[in-house]
Amino acid sequence: MTSPTSPRFLVHPSPVGDVIIVTTDEGVVTLHPFDGPLGAELERVALALRELPVPVESDAAPGDAATVVARVAAEQLDEYFDGERRIFDLPLDWRLVRGFTRAALEAVCDIPYGETAGYGEVAISAGSPRAARAVGTACATTPFSIVVPVHRVVRADGSLGEYGGRPDVKQYLIDLERAAGV
């Protein structure tokens, strides 16, 4: 039996800015665009995981599961931004997600590429029709951005709403998908 490796991280450039990818032996534990210093982002992730992720490049064992998943995630992000990928095929490590938030995020995964759904529609899909606000909270606090397409969740009136304080990124992702054709 192999012992678990430390969480790994990779910072990957994208059209929406740098994306931090943090993986464990179980899969992607967090993936999202970030602003600000990398050190502050790593501290936030380390607090949640109770362990500081180490850079993918610094490890002597390039074939460990966490490293492999980080590299595959970076490749799939590139394919997505190039319009070649519509569905991410990555294992997700849900350890930072609890309760209804997980149900909501799993329901978000069912929104087809290039389409949007309202918070209320996602709440119904997640099994709690009156939980539209909770869906908003789940989307706002998701550790998985882009690969769990919370950018496809919009307000009931069709307006975008927020996206981690970056509605311009949300608009970019929606426009990217619509331009790629459905």
N, C-alpha and C. Protein backbone atom coordinates (compact mmCIF):
# COMPACT_ATOMS: atom_id res chain seq x y z
N MET A 1 0.84 -1.19 0.00
CA MET A 1 0.00 0.00 0.00
C MET A 1 0.88 1.24 0.00
N THR A 2 0.58 2.16 -0.90
CA THR A 2 1.38 3.38 -0.97
C THR A 2 0.83 4.43 -0.02
N SER A 3 1.73 5.24 0.49
CA SER A 3 1.28 6.30 1.39
C SER A 3 0.84 7.49 0.57
N PRO A 4 -0.11 8.27 1.09
CA PRO A 4 -0.58 9.43 0.33
C PRO A 4 0.52 10.47 0.19
N THR A 5 0.53 11.13 -0.93
CA THR A 5 1.49 12.21 -1.15
C THR A 5 0.89 13.51 -0.65
N SER A 6 1.75 14.48 -0.48
CA SER A 6 1.28 15.81 -0.10
C SER A 6 0.47 16.38 -1.25
N PRO A 7 -0.47 17.28 -0.95
CA PRO A 7 -1.18 17.95 -2.04
C PRO A 7 -0.17 18.65 -2.95
N ARG A 8 -0.48 18.68 -4.22
CA ARG A 8 0.38 19.33 -5.22
C ARG A 8 -0.34 20.57 -5.75
N PHE A 9 0.44 21.54 -6.20
CA PHE A 9 -0.19 22.68 -6.86
C PHE A 9 0.58 23.04 -8.11
N LEU A 10 -0.17 23.63 -9.02
CA LEU A 10 0.36 24.09 -10.28
C LEU A 10 -0.36 25.39 -10.60
N VAL A 11 0.36 26.40 -11.02
CA VAL A 11 -0.25 27.65 -11.47
C VAL A 11 -0.19 27.61 -12.99
N HIS A 12 -1.36 27.70 -13.60
CA HIS A 12 -1.45 27.57 -15.05
C HIS A 12 -2.03 28.83 -15.67
N PRO A 13 -1.36 29.39 -16.67
CA PRO A 13 -1.89 30.60 -17.32
C PRO A 13 -3.12 30.27 -18.15
N SER A 14 -4.03 31.22 -18.22
CA SER A 14 -5.24 31.05 -19.04
C SER A 14 -5.68 32.43 -19.53
N PRO A 15 -6.63 32.46 -20.45
CA PRO A 15 -7.14 33.75 -20.93
C PRO A 15 -7.85 34.57 -19.84
N VAL A 16 -8.23 33.93 -18.73
CA VAL A 16 -8.90 34.65 -17.64
C VAL A 16 -7.95 34.91 -16.47
N GLY A 17 -6.67 34.74 -16.70
CA GLY A 17 -5.67 34.95 -15.66
C GLY A 17 -5.11 33.62 -15.18
N ASP A 18 -4.21 33.70 -14.23
CA ASP A 18 -3.62 32.49 -13.68
C ASP A 18 -4.67 31.66 -12.95
N VAL A 19 -4.58 30.35 -13.14
CA VAL A 19 -5.48 29.40 -12.49
C VAL A 19 -4.64 28.54 -11.56
N ILE A 20 -5.04 28.45 -10.31
CA ILE A 20 -4.35 27.55 -9.39
C ILE A 20 -5.06 26.20 -9.43
N ILE A 21 -4.28 25.16 -9.59
CA ILE A 21 -4.78 23.79 -9.60
C ILE A 21 -4.13 23.09 -8.42
N VAL A 22 -4.94 22.63 -7.48
CA VAL A 22 -4.42 21.89 -6.33
C VAL A 22 -5.03 20.50 -6.37
N THR A 23 -4.16 19.50 -6.28
CA THR A 23 -4.61 18.12 -6.39
C THR A 23 -4.10 17.29 -5.21
N THR A 24 -4.81 16.20 -4.99
CA THR A 24 -4.41 15.19 -4.01
C THR A 24 -4.41 13.85 -4.74
N ASP A 25 -4.12 12.81 -4.04
CA ASP A 25 -4.18 11.48 -4.65
C ASP A 25 -5.60 11.13 -5.08
N GLU A 26 -6.60 11.83 -4.52
CA GLU A 26 -8.01 11.57 -4.85
C GLU A 26 -8.48 12.33 -6.09
N GLY A 27 -7.80 13.43 -6.43
CA GLY A 27 -8.21 14.23 -7.58
C GLY A 27 -7.99 15.71 -7.35
N VAL A 28 -8.68 16.52 -8.16
CA VAL A 28 -8.60 17.98 -8.04
C VAL A 28 -9.35 18.38 -6.77
N VAL A 29 -8.68 19.08 -5.87
CA VAL A 29 -9.33 19.54 -4.64
C VAL A 29 -9.76 21.01 -4.76
N THR A 30 -9.06 21.76 -5.59
CA THR A 30 -9.49 23.12 -5.91
C THR A 30 -8.83 23.54 -7.22
N LEU A 31 -9.59 24.30 -7.99
CA LEU A 31 -9.11 24.81 -9.27
C LEU A 31 -9.91 26.07 -9.55
N HIS A 32 -9.23 27.20 -9.64
CA HIS A 32 -9.92 28.46 -9.90
C HIS A 32 -8.94 29.56 -10.29
N PRO A 33 -9.42 30.54 -11.06
CA PRO A 33 -8.58 31.71 -11.34
C PRO A 33 -8.38 32.48 -10.04
N PHE A 34 -7.23 33.11 -9.91
CA PHE A 34 -7.00 33.90 -8.70
C PHE A 34 -6.28 35.19 -9.03
N ASP A 35 -6.54 36.18 -8.18
CA ASP A 35 -5.85 37.46 -8.24
C ASP A 35 -5.01 37.56 -6.98
N GLY A 36 -4.01 38.35 -7.02
CA GLY A 36 -3.23 38.57 -5.82
C GLY A 36 -2.04 37.64 -5.73
N PRO A 37 -1.34 37.73 -4.62
CA PRO A 37 -0.12 36.96 -4.46
C PRO A 37 -0.39 35.46 -4.31
N LEU A 38 0.47 34.67 -4.93
CA LEU A 38 0.35 33.22 -4.84
C LEU A 38 0.47 32.75 -3.39
N GLY A 39 1.35 33.36 -2.63
CA GLY A 39 1.55 32.96 -1.23
C GLY A 39 0.26 33.05 -0.43
N ALA A 40 -0.50 34.11 -0.62
CA ALA A 40 -1.76 34.26 0.10
C ALA A 40 -2.76 33.19 -0.32
N GLU A 41 -2.78 32.87 -1.60
CA GLU A 41 -3.69 31.83 -2.10
C GLU A 41 -3.31 30.46 -1.53
N LEU A 42 -2.00 30.19 -1.49
CA LEU A 42 -1.55 28.91 -0.93
C LEU A 42 -1.85 28.81 0.56
N GLU A 43 -1.74 29.93 1.28
CA GLU A 43 -2.08 29.93 2.70
C GLU A 43 -3.56 29.60 2.91
N ARG A 44 -4.42 30.19 2.08
CA ARG A 44 -5.86 29.91 2.17
C ARG A 44 -6.14 28.43 1.93
N VAL A 45 -5.51 27.87 0.90
CA VAL A 45 -5.70 26.46 0.58
C VAL A 45 -5.12 25.57 1.69
N ALA A 46 -3.95 25.94 2.19
CA ALA A 46 -3.31 25.16 3.26
C ALA A 46 -4.18 25.13 4.52
N LEU A 47 -4.82 26.25 4.84
CA LEU A 47 -5.71 26.27 6.01
C LEU A 47 -6.87 25.29 5.81
N ALA A 48 -7.44 25.27 4.63
CA ALA A 48 -8.56 24.38 4.36
C ALA A 48 -8.13 22.92 4.38
N LEU A 49 -6.96 22.63 3.82
CA LEU A 49 -6.48 21.25 3.73
C LEU A 49 -5.70 20.80 4.96
N ARG A 50 -5.28 21.76 5.77
CA ARG A 50 -4.42 21.50 6.93
C ARG A 50 -3.06 20.93 6.52
N GLU A 51 -2.66 21.32 5.33
CA GLU A 51 -1.36 20.91 4.80
C GLU A 51 -1.01 21.84 3.64
N LEU A 52 0.24 22.26 3.59
CA LEU A 52 0.68 23.16 2.53
C LEU A 52 0.96 22.37 1.26
N PRO A 53 0.29 22.71 0.16
CA PRO A 53 0.59 22.03 -1.11
C PRO A 53 2.02 22.34 -1.56
N VAL A 54 2.63 21.40 -2.23
CA VAL A 54 3.98 21.59 -2.76
C VAL A 54 3.89 21.71 -4.28
N PRO A 55 4.81 22.46 -4.88
CA PRO A 55 4.75 22.63 -6.33
C PRO A 55 4.93 21.30 -7.07
N VAL A 56 4.22 21.13 -8.15
CA VAL A 56 4.35 19.93 -8.97
C VAL A 56 5.81 19.75 -9.39
N GLU A 57 6.46 20.81 -9.80
CA GLU A 57 7.83 20.73 -10.32
C GLU A 57 8.86 20.31 -9.28
N SER A 58 8.59 20.51 -7.99
CA SER A 58 9.60 20.27 -6.98
C SER A 58 9.70 18.81 -6.54
N ASP A 59 8.78 17.98 -6.97
CA ASP A 59 8.77 16.61 -6.47
C ASP A 59 9.64 15.70 -7.31
N ALA A 60 10.32 14.79 -6.67
CA ALA A 60 11.19 13.84 -7.36
C ALA A 60 10.41 12.69 -7.99
N ALA A 61 9.13 12.54 -7.62
CA ALA A 61 8.30 11.44 -8.16
C ALA A 61 7.24 12.02 -9.10
N PRO A 62 7.61 12.26 -10.37
CA PRO A 62 6.68 12.91 -11.29
C PRO A 62 5.46 12.07 -11.66
N GLY A 63 5.46 10.80 -11.29
CA GLY A 63 4.34 9.94 -11.66
C GLY A 63 3.32 9.74 -10.56
N ASP A 64 3.44 10.45 -9.43
CA ASP A 64 2.44 10.25 -8.38
C ASP A 64 1.09 10.77 -8.86
N ALA A 65 0.02 10.22 -8.29
CA ALA A 65 -1.33 10.52 -8.76
C ALA A 65 -1.65 12.01 -8.73
N ALA A 66 -1.27 12.70 -7.68
CA ALA A 66 -1.59 14.13 -7.57
C ALA A 66 -0.91 14.94 -8.67
N THR A 67 0.33 14.60 -8.99
CA THR A 67 1.06 15.30 -10.05
C THR A 67 0.43 15.03 -11.40
N VAL A 68 0.10 13.79 -11.66
CA VAL A 68 -0.51 13.41 -12.93
C VAL A 68 -1.83 14.16 -13.13
N VAL A 69 -2.67 14.18 -12.10
CA VAL A 69 -3.97 14.86 -12.22
C VAL A 69 -3.77 16.35 -12.45
N ALA A 70 -2.82 16.97 -11.79
CA ALA A 70 -2.56 18.41 -11.99
C ALA A 70 -2.18 18.69 -13.44
N ARG A 71 -1.33 17.86 -14.00
CA ARG A 71 -0.90 18.07 -15.39
C ARG A 71 -2.05 17.82 -16.36
N VAL A 72 -2.85 16.80 -16.11
CA VAL A 72 -4.00 16.51 -16.97
C VAL A 72 -5.01 17.66 -16.89
N ALA A 73 -5.22 18.19 -15.68
CA ALA A 73 -6.14 19.32 -15.52
C ALA A 73 -5.67 20.51 -16.33
N ALA A 74 -4.36 20.80 -16.32
CA ALA A 74 -3.82 21.92 -17.10
C ALA A 74 -4.05 21.69 -18.59
N GLU A 75 -3.83 20.47 -19.06
CA GLU A 75 -4.06 20.14 -20.47
C GLU A 75 -5.53 20.33 -20.84
N GLN A 76 -6.42 19.86 -19.96
CA GLN A 76 -7.85 19.98 -20.26
C GLN A 76 -8.30 21.43 -20.23
N LEU A 77 -7.73 22.25 -19.36
CA LEU A 77 -8.05 23.69 -19.37
C LEU A 77 -7.65 24.31 -20.71
N ASP A 78 -6.46 23.97 -21.20
CA ASP A 78 -6.02 24.50 -22.49
C ASP A 78 -6.99 24.08 -23.59
N GLU A 79 -7.41 22.82 -23.58
CA GLU A 79 -8.35 22.33 -24.58
C GLU A 79 -9.68 23.07 -24.49
N TYR A 80 -10.15 23.33 -23.27
CA TYR A 80 -11.39 24.06 -23.06
C TYR A 80 -11.28 25.47 -23.65
N PHE A 81 -10.20 26.18 -23.31
CA PHE A 81 -10.04 27.55 -23.80
C PHE A 81 -9.80 27.61 -25.30
N ASP A 82 -9.31 26.52 -25.88
CA ASP A 82 -9.14 26.44 -27.34
C ASP A 82 -10.42 26.03 -28.04
N GLY A 83 -11.50 25.77 -27.29
CA GLY A 83 -12.77 25.38 -27.86
C GLY A 83 -12.84 23.91 -28.25
N GLU A 84 -11.88 23.12 -27.80
CA GLU A 84 -11.82 21.70 -28.15
C GLU A 84 -12.43 20.78 -27.09
N ARG A 85 -12.68 21.28 -25.90
CA ARG A 85 -13.21 20.45 -24.82
C ARG A 85 -14.49 21.08 -24.28
N ARG A 86 -15.51 20.25 -24.15
CA ARG A 86 -16.80 20.72 -23.62
C ARG A 86 -17.11 20.13 -22.26
N ILE A 87 -16.51 19.00 -21.95
CA ILE A 87 -16.74 18.33 -20.67
C ILE A 87 -15.37 17.98 -20.09
N PHE A 88 -15.17 18.31 -18.82
CA PHE A 88 -13.92 17.95 -18.16
C PHE A 88 -14.02 16.52 -17.65
N ASP A 89 -12.95 15.78 -17.81
CA ASP A 89 -12.88 14.40 -17.38
C ASP A 89 -11.77 14.29 -16.34
N LEU A 90 -12.08 14.79 -15.15
CA LEU A 90 -11.11 14.83 -14.07
C LEU A 90 -11.73 14.27 -12.80
N PRO A 91 -10.97 13.52 -12.02
CA PRO A 91 -11.48 13.12 -10.71
C PRO A 91 -11.50 14.34 -9.79
N LEU A 92 -12.59 14.50 -9.05
CA LEU A 92 -12.69 15.61 -8.11
C LEU A 92 -12.60 15.07 -6.69
N ASP A 93 -11.83 15.75 -5.88
CA ASP A 93 -11.72 15.43 -4.46
C ASP A 93 -12.64 16.41 -3.73
N TRP A 94 -13.76 15.92 -3.26
CA TRP A 94 -14.82 16.75 -2.69
C TRP A 94 -14.61 17.09 -1.21
N ARG A 95 -13.46 16.85 -0.64
CA ARG A 95 -13.26 17.01 0.80
C ARG A 95 -13.56 18.42 1.34
N LEU A 96 -13.50 19.43 0.49
CA LEU A 96 -13.77 20.80 0.95
C LEU A 96 -15.23 21.21 0.75
N VAL A 97 -16.06 20.28 0.33
CA VAL A 97 -17.46 20.56 0.03
C VAL A 97 -18.34 19.71 0.93
N ARG A 98 -19.35 20.32 1.53
CA ARG A 98 -20.22 19.61 2.47
C ARG A 98 -21.68 19.79 2.11
N GLY A 99 -22.50 18.83 2.50
CA GLY A 99 -23.96 18.92 2.47
C GLY A 99 -24.56 19.34 1.15
N PHE A 100 -25.51 20.29 1.25
CA PHE A 100 -26.23 20.74 0.07
C PHE A 100 -25.32 21.36 -0.98
N THR A 101 -24.22 21.95 -0.55
CA THR A 101 -23.29 22.54 -1.51
C THR A 101 -22.85 21.52 -2.54
N ARG A 102 -22.56 20.32 -2.09
CA ARG A 102 -22.15 19.27 -3.04
C ARG A 102 -23.29 18.91 -3.99
N ALA A 103 -24.48 18.76 -3.46
CA ALA A 103 -25.63 18.44 -4.32
C ALA A 103 -25.83 19.53 -5.36
N ALA A 104 -25.70 20.78 -4.95
CA ALA A 104 -25.87 21.90 -5.88
C ALA A 104 -24.79 21.88 -6.95
N LEU A 105 -23.55 21.67 -6.55
CA LEU A 105 -22.46 21.66 -7.52
C LEU A 105 -22.55 20.47 -8.47
N GLU A 106 -23.02 19.34 -7.97
CA GLU A 106 -23.23 18.19 -8.85
C GLU A 106 -24.34 18.49 -9.86
N ALA A 107 -25.37 19.20 -9.43
CA ALA A 107 -26.46 19.59 -10.34
C ALA A 107 -25.94 20.58 -11.39
N VAL A 108 -25.05 21.47 -11.00
CA VAL A 108 -24.45 22.42 -11.94
C VAL A 108 -23.73 21.67 -13.06
N CYS A 109 -23.12 20.56 -12.74
CA CYS A 109 -22.39 19.78 -13.76
C CYS A 109 -23.31 19.28 -14.87
N ASP A 110 -24.60 19.25 -14.61
CA ASP A 110 -25.56 18.78 -15.62
C ASP A 110 -26.02 19.88 -16.59
N ILE A 111 -25.61 21.13 -16.35
CA ILE A 111 -25.97 22.21 -17.28
C ILE A 111 -25.13 22.02 -18.54
N PRO A 112 -25.76 21.87 -19.68
CA PRO A 112 -25.00 21.62 -20.92
C PRO A 112 -24.08 22.78 -21.30
N TYR A 113 -23.01 22.43 -21.94
CA TYR A 113 -22.04 23.38 -22.48
C TYR A 113 -22.78 24.40 -23.36
N GLY A 114 -22.47 25.67 -23.15
CA GLY A 114 -23.06 26.72 -23.96
C GLY A 114 -24.43 27.17 -23.52
N GLU A 115 -24.98 26.56 -22.47
CA GLU A 115 -26.30 26.93 -21.97
C GLU A 115 -26.17 27.47 -20.55
N THR A 116 -27.23 28.09 -20.07
CA THR A 116 -27.26 28.58 -18.70
C THR A 116 -28.52 28.08 -18.01
N ALA A 117 -28.52 28.14 -16.69
CA ALA A 117 -29.69 27.79 -15.89
C ALA A 117 -29.75 28.76 -14.72
N GLY A 118 -30.96 29.01 -14.24
CA GLY A 118 -31.13 29.90 -13.10
C GLY A 118 -30.82 29.19 -11.78
N TYR A 119 -30.57 29.99 -10.76
CA TYR A 119 -30.29 29.44 -9.44
C TYR A 119 -31.44 28.56 -8.96
N GLY A 120 -32.68 29.00 -9.23
CA GLY A 120 -33.85 28.21 -8.84
C GLY A 120 -33.93 26.88 -9.57
N GLU A 121 -33.58 26.87 -10.85
CA GLU A 121 -33.57 25.62 -11.62
C GLU A 121 -32.55 24.64 -11.06
N VAL A 122 -31.39 25.15 -10.68
CA VAL A 122 -30.36 24.29 -10.10
C VAL A 122 -30.84 23.76 -8.75
N ALA A 123 -31.52 24.60 -7.97
CA ALA A 123 -32.05 24.15 -6.67
C ALA A 123 -33.02 22.99 -6.86
N ILE A 124 -33.88 23.09 -7.86
CA ILE A 124 -34.82 22.00 -8.14
C ILE A 124 -34.05 20.73 -8.52
N SER A 125 -33.06 20.87 -9.39
CA SER A 125 -32.25 19.72 -9.81
C SER A 125 -31.50 19.09 -8.64
N ALA A 126 -31.13 19.92 -7.67
CA ALA A 126 -30.39 19.43 -6.50
C ALA A 126 -31.32 18.85 -5.43
N GLY A 127 -32.63 18.91 -5.68
CA GLY A 127 -33.57 18.31 -4.75
C GLY A 127 -34.12 19.22 -3.68
N SER A 128 -33.84 20.51 -3.76
CA SER A 128 -34.34 21.47 -2.78
C SER A 128 -34.88 22.71 -3.50
N PRO A 129 -36.12 22.63 -3.99
CA PRO A 129 -36.68 23.69 -4.83
C PRO A 129 -36.66 25.10 -4.22
N ARG A 130 -36.64 25.20 -2.91
CA ARG A 130 -36.68 26.52 -2.27
C ARG A 130 -35.28 27.03 -1.89
N ALA A 131 -34.26 26.41 -2.41
CA ALA A 131 -32.89 26.72 -1.98
C ALA A 131 -32.08 27.49 -3.02
N ALA A 132 -32.73 28.38 -3.75
CA ALA A 132 -32.01 29.15 -4.77
C ALA A 132 -30.86 29.96 -4.17
N ARG A 133 -31.08 30.56 -3.01
CA ARG A 133 -30.00 31.33 -2.38
C ARG A 133 -28.84 30.43 -1.97
N ALA A 134 -29.17 29.23 -1.50
CA ALA A 134 -28.11 28.28 -1.13
C ALA A 134 -27.31 27.85 -2.36
N VAL A 135 -27.97 27.77 -3.50
CA VAL A 135 -27.26 27.48 -4.75
C VAL A 135 -26.29 28.62 -5.05
N GLY A 136 -26.74 29.85 -4.85
CA GLY A 136 -25.86 31.00 -5.05
C GLY A 136 -24.64 30.94 -4.15
N THR A 137 -24.86 30.55 -2.91
CA THR A 137 -23.73 30.41 -1.98
C THR A 137 -22.80 29.29 -2.42
N ALA A 138 -23.37 28.18 -2.87
CA ALA A 138 -22.55 27.06 -3.35
C ALA A 138 -21.69 27.49 -4.53
N CYS A 139 -22.28 28.22 -5.45
CA CYS A 139 -21.55 28.68 -6.62
C CYS A 139 -20.46 29.68 -6.22
N ALA A 140 -20.77 30.54 -5.27
CA ALA A 140 -19.82 31.56 -4.84
C ALA A 140 -18.65 30.97 -4.06
N THR A 141 -18.87 29.84 -3.41
CA THR A 141 -17.83 29.27 -2.56
C THR A 141 -17.22 28.00 -3.12
N THR A 142 -17.58 27.64 -4.35
CA THR A 142 -17.07 26.41 -4.92
C THR A 142 -15.54 26.39 -4.96
N PRO A 143 -14.95 25.25 -4.63
CA PRO A 143 -13.50 25.15 -4.82
C PRO A 143 -13.16 24.82 -6.27
N PHE A 144 -14.18 24.46 -7.06
CA PHE A 144 -13.96 24.05 -8.45
C PHE A 144 -14.60 25.07 -9.39
N SER A 145 -13.80 25.91 -9.97
CA SER A 145 -14.30 26.86 -10.94
C SER A 145 -13.93 26.33 -12.32
N ILE A 146 -14.70 26.66 -13.29
CA ILE A 146 -14.52 26.27 -14.69
C ILE A 146 -14.82 24.79 -14.88
N VAL A 147 -14.13 23.88 -14.17
CA VAL A 147 -14.37 22.45 -14.38
C VAL A 147 -15.73 22.02 -13.83
N VAL A 148 -16.22 22.67 -12.80
CA VAL A 148 -17.62 22.60 -12.39
C VAL A 148 -18.18 23.94 -12.83
N PRO A 149 -18.99 23.96 -13.88
CA PRO A 149 -19.30 25.20 -14.60
C PRO A 149 -20.29 26.14 -13.90
N VAL A 150 -19.90 26.65 -12.74
CA VAL A 150 -20.77 27.58 -12.02
C VAL A 150 -20.99 28.87 -12.81
N HIS A 151 -20.15 29.12 -13.80
CA HIS A 151 -20.36 30.30 -14.65
C HIS A 151 -21.64 30.17 -15.46
N ARG A 152 -22.18 28.98 -15.59
CA ARG A 152 -23.41 28.76 -16.36
C ARG A 152 -24.67 29.03 -15.54
N VAL A 153 -24.51 29.37 -14.27
CA VAL A 153 -25.67 29.65 -13.40
C VAL A 153 -25.89 31.15 -13.37
N VAL A 154 -27.12 31.55 -13.72
CA VAL A 154 -27.46 32.97 -13.83
C VAL A 154 -28.69 33.28 -12.97
N ARG A 155 -28.96 34.56 -12.83
CA ARG A 155 -30.14 35.00 -12.07
C ARG A 155 -31.41 34.66 -12.84
N ALA A 156 -32.52 34.67 -12.15
CA ALA A 156 -33.81 34.33 -12.75
C ALA A 156 -34.15 35.24 -13.92
N ASP A 157 -33.70 36.50 -13.88
CA ASP A 157 -33.99 37.42 -14.98
C ASP A 157 -33.01 37.29 -16.14
N GLY A 158 -32.09 36.34 -16.04
CA GLY A 158 -31.12 36.10 -17.10
C GLY A 158 -29.83 36.89 -16.97
N SER A 159 -29.79 37.83 -16.01
CA SER A 159 -28.56 38.59 -15.82
C SER A 159 -27.49 37.69 -15.17
N LEU A 160 -26.25 38.07 -15.37
CA LEU A 160 -25.15 37.21 -14.95
C LEU A 160 -25.03 36.98 -13.46
N GLY A 161 -25.07 38.03 -12.70
CA GLY A 161 -24.74 37.90 -11.29
C GLY A 161 -23.23 37.93 -11.13
N GLU A 162 -22.80 37.63 -9.96
CA GLU A 162 -21.38 37.69 -9.63
C GLU A 162 -20.67 36.40 -10.03
N TYR A 163 -19.36 36.43 -9.95
CA TYR A 163 -18.54 35.26 -10.21
C TYR A 163 -17.24 35.49 -9.47
N GLY A 164 -17.29 35.29 -8.16
CA GLY A 164 -16.12 35.56 -7.35
C GLY A 164 -15.67 37.00 -7.44
N GLY A 165 -16.65 37.91 -7.62
CA GLY A 165 -16.32 39.32 -7.76
C GLY A 165 -15.76 39.66 -9.13
N ARG A 166 -15.86 38.72 -10.08
CA ARG A 166 -15.31 38.95 -11.42
C ARG A 166 -16.34 38.59 -12.48
N PRO A 167 -17.41 39.38 -12.60
CA PRO A 167 -18.42 39.08 -13.61
C PRO A 167 -17.86 39.11 -15.03
N ASP A 168 -16.76 39.84 -15.25
CA ASP A 168 -16.13 39.86 -16.57
C ASP A 168 -15.61 38.47 -16.94
N VAL A 169 -15.12 37.72 -15.98
CA VAL A 169 -14.65 36.35 -16.24
C VAL A 169 -15.84 35.45 -16.56
N LYS A 170 -16.92 35.62 -15.82
CA LYS A 170 -18.13 34.84 -16.08
C LYS A 170 -18.63 35.10 -17.50
N GLN A 171 -18.68 36.37 -17.88
CA GLN A 171 -19.12 36.72 -19.23
C GLN A 171 -18.18 36.12 -20.28
N TYR A 172 -16.89 36.18 -20.03
CA TYR A 172 -15.92 35.61 -20.96
C TYR A 172 -16.18 34.12 -21.17
N LEU A 173 -16.39 33.38 -20.09
CA LEU A 173 -16.60 31.93 -20.19
C LEU A 173 -17.90 31.61 -20.92
N ILE A 174 -18.95 32.35 -20.64
CA ILE A 174 -20.22 32.14 -21.34
C ILE A 174 -20.06 32.45 -22.83
N ASP A 175 -19.42 33.57 -23.14
CA ASP A 175 -19.19 33.94 -24.54
C ASP A 175 -18.31 32.92 -25.25
N LEU A 176 -17.30 32.41 -24.57
CA LEU A 176 -16.40 31.40 -25.14
C LEU A 176 -17.21 30.17 -25.57
N GLU A 177 -18.07 29.71 -24.68
CA GLU A 177 -18.86 28.52 -24.97
C GLU A 177 -19.87 28.77 -26.09
N ARG A 178 -20.50 29.90 -26.05
CA ARG A 178 -21.48 30.21 -27.10
C ARG A 178 -20.80 30.36 -28.47
N ALA A 179 -19.62 30.95 -28.49
CA ALA A 179 -18.90 31.13 -29.76
C ALA A 179 -18.42 29.81 -30.33
N ALA A 180 -18.13 28.85 -29.46
CA ALA A 180 -17.65 27.54 -29.93
C ALA A 180 -18.79 26.75 -30.57
N GLY A 181 -20.03 27.23 -30.38
CA GLY A 181 -21.19 26.53 -30.97
C GLY A 181 -21.59 25.34 -30.13
N VAL A 182 -22.86 25.06 -30.16
CA VAL A 182 -23.37 23.96 -29.34
C VAL A 182 -23.72 22.79 -30.23
